[in-house]
Amino acid sequence: MKTNVLAFEVTSDSMDNGTRFSFAPGDKLIVQSFSISDFRNSIGNDLNSFWVIELKNGVLVRQIVEYANDTIKCHPLNSSAQYPDTFIEIGNIVKMYRVMQLQRKPIHYGE
């Protein structure tokens, strides 16, 4: 049986709002790969979910809060002005991965 499950490590604080419901640097995201066509067909029923978005020039982790006219509105959880909401046209996306599970960065006591 073939599965399209991967893991990404969070490297920035753009999705860290200081709560336990955010993604902090060092956390690992278990994701399921979606084709662009499958993403287009399902996102209308899956708004406010978390996605790893692969672009030609990098990778983002964001919450997708809107979808219209083949454009998604991506929301970072960190409210800093450094991380504004962004709009991405579907045509600029290489691959989409839906976040299925979070593995927190291990805490090492006494080191």
Protein backbone atom coordinates (compact mmCIF):
# COMPACT_ATOMS: atom_id res chain seq x y z
CA MET A 1 0.00 0.00 0.00
CA LYS A 2 1.43 3.37 -1.04
CA THR A 3 0.88 6.45 1.12
CA ASN A 4 1.75 10.06 0.44
CA VAL A 5 2.78 10.97 3.98
CA LEU A 6 5.84 13.10 4.71
CA ALA A 7 7.25 15.16 7.58
CA PHE A 8 8.46 18.75 7.60
CA GLU A 9 10.32 20.48 10.43
CA VAL A 10 9.15 23.97 11.38
CA THR A 11 12.07 26.41 11.14
CA SER A 12 10.51 29.83 11.76
CA ASP A 13 8.14 31.37 14.29
CA SER A 14 5.54 32.53 11.74
CA MET A 15 3.06 29.91 13.02
CA ASP A 16 3.89 30.37 16.72
CA ASN A 17 1.39 32.55 18.59
CA GLY A 18 2.58 31.49 22.03
CA THR A 19 -0.25 29.02 22.62
CA ARG A 20 -0.15 25.25 22.66
CA PHE A 21 -2.22 25.28 19.47
CA SER A 22 0.59 26.71 17.35
CA PHE A 23 3.63 25.34 15.52
CA ALA A 24 6.98 26.28 17.07
CA PRO A 25 10.46 26.01 15.58
CA GLY A 26 11.67 22.42 15.90
CA ASP A 27 8.19 20.90 15.78
CA LYS A 28 7.59 18.30 13.08
CA LEU A 29 4.48 18.33 10.89
CA ILE A 30 3.21 15.04 9.52
CA VAL A 31 1.53 15.88 6.22
CA GLN A 32 -0.40 14.25 3.41
CA SER A 33 0.44 15.20 -0.14
CA PHE A 34 -2.33 16.66 -2.33
CA SER A 35 -2.23 17.21 -6.07
CA ILE A 36 -3.20 20.73 -7.13
CA SER A 37 -6.44 19.44 -8.71
CA ASP A 38 -7.39 17.50 -5.55
CA PHE A 39 -6.59 20.59 -3.48
CA ARG A 40 -8.83 22.76 -5.70
CA ASN A 41 -11.67 20.26 -5.34
CA SER A 42 -11.45 19.97 -1.55
CA ILE A 43 -10.33 23.34 -0.14
CA GLY A 44 -13.80 24.89 -0.21
CA ASN A 45 -14.87 22.32 2.40
CA ASP A 46 -11.61 22.50 4.35
CA LEU A 47 -11.05 26.19 5.13
CA ASN A 48 -9.12 27.07 8.32
CA SER A 49 -7.03 23.92 8.04
CA PHE A 50 -3.23 24.01 8.05
CA TRP A 51 -1.11 23.40 4.97
CA VAL A 52 2.51 23.21 3.91
CA ILE A 53 2.65 25.12 0.63
CA GLU A 54 5.56 24.43 -1.70
CA LEU A 55 6.32 27.34 -4.02
CA LYS A 56 9.05 27.70 -6.63
CA ASN A 57 11.09 29.86 -4.24
CA GLY A 58 10.41 28.23 -0.88
CA VAL A 59 8.04 26.49 1.49
CA LEU A 60 5.41 28.03 3.80
CA VAL A 61 3.28 26.65 6.61
CA ARG A 62 -0.01 28.52 6.80
CA GLN A 63 -3.65 28.33 7.71
CA ILE A 64 -5.80 28.75 4.60
CA VAL A 65 -8.72 30.98 5.51
CA GLU A 66 -10.18 31.91 2.11
CA TYR A 67 -10.34 30.53 -1.42
CA ALA A 68 -11.75 32.49 -4.37
CA ASN A 69 -10.86 33.04 -8.03
CA ASP A 70 -8.09 30.42 -7.86
CA THR A 71 -6.35 32.38 -5.07
CA ILE A 72 -5.87 31.34 -1.44
CA LYS A 73 -5.55 33.66 1.53
CA CYS A 74 -2.85 32.34 3.86
CA HIS A 75 -2.82 33.30 7.51
CA PRO A 76 0.17 32.96 9.87
CA LEU A 77 -0.70 32.39 13.53
CA ASN A 78 1.99 34.84 14.70
CA SER A 79 0.33 38.27 14.85
CA SER A 80 3.61 40.17 14.36
CA ALA A 81 3.63 42.67 11.50
CA GLN A 82 6.59 40.66 10.20
CA TYR A 83 4.09 37.96 9.10
CA PRO A 84 1.12 39.50 7.26
CA ASP A 85 -1.62 37.50 5.58
CA THR A 86 -0.61 36.65 2.03
CA PHE A 87 -2.52 35.83 -1.13
CA ILE A 88 -1.16 33.10 -3.40
CA GLU A 89 -2.47 32.20 -6.82
CA ILE A 90 -2.89 28.45 -7.27
CA GLY A 91 -0.82 28.61 -10.47
CA ASN A 92 2.23 29.61 -8.38
CA ILE A 93 2.01 26.54 -6.15
CA VAL A 94 4.21 23.52 -6.88
CA LYS A 95 2.72 21.12 -4.30
CA MET A 96 0.31 21.14 -1.36
CA TYR A 97 0.54 19.12 1.86
CA ARG A 98 -2.24 19.05 4.45
CA VAL A 99 -1.04 18.96 8.05
CA MET A 100 -2.40 15.78 9.61
CA GLN A 101 -0.43 15.58 12.87
CA LEU A 102 1.96 17.63 14.98
CA GLN A 103 4.97 16.21 16.83
CA ARG A 104 6.29 18.70 19.37
CA LYS A 105 9.98 19.40 19.64
CA PRO A 106 11.35 17.28 22.50
CA ILE A 107 12.11 19.01 25.76
CA HIS A 108 15.37 18.03 27.40
CA TYR A 109 15.54 18.78 31.12
CA GLY A 110 18.81 19.23 32.98
CA GLU A 111 21.04 19.78 29.98
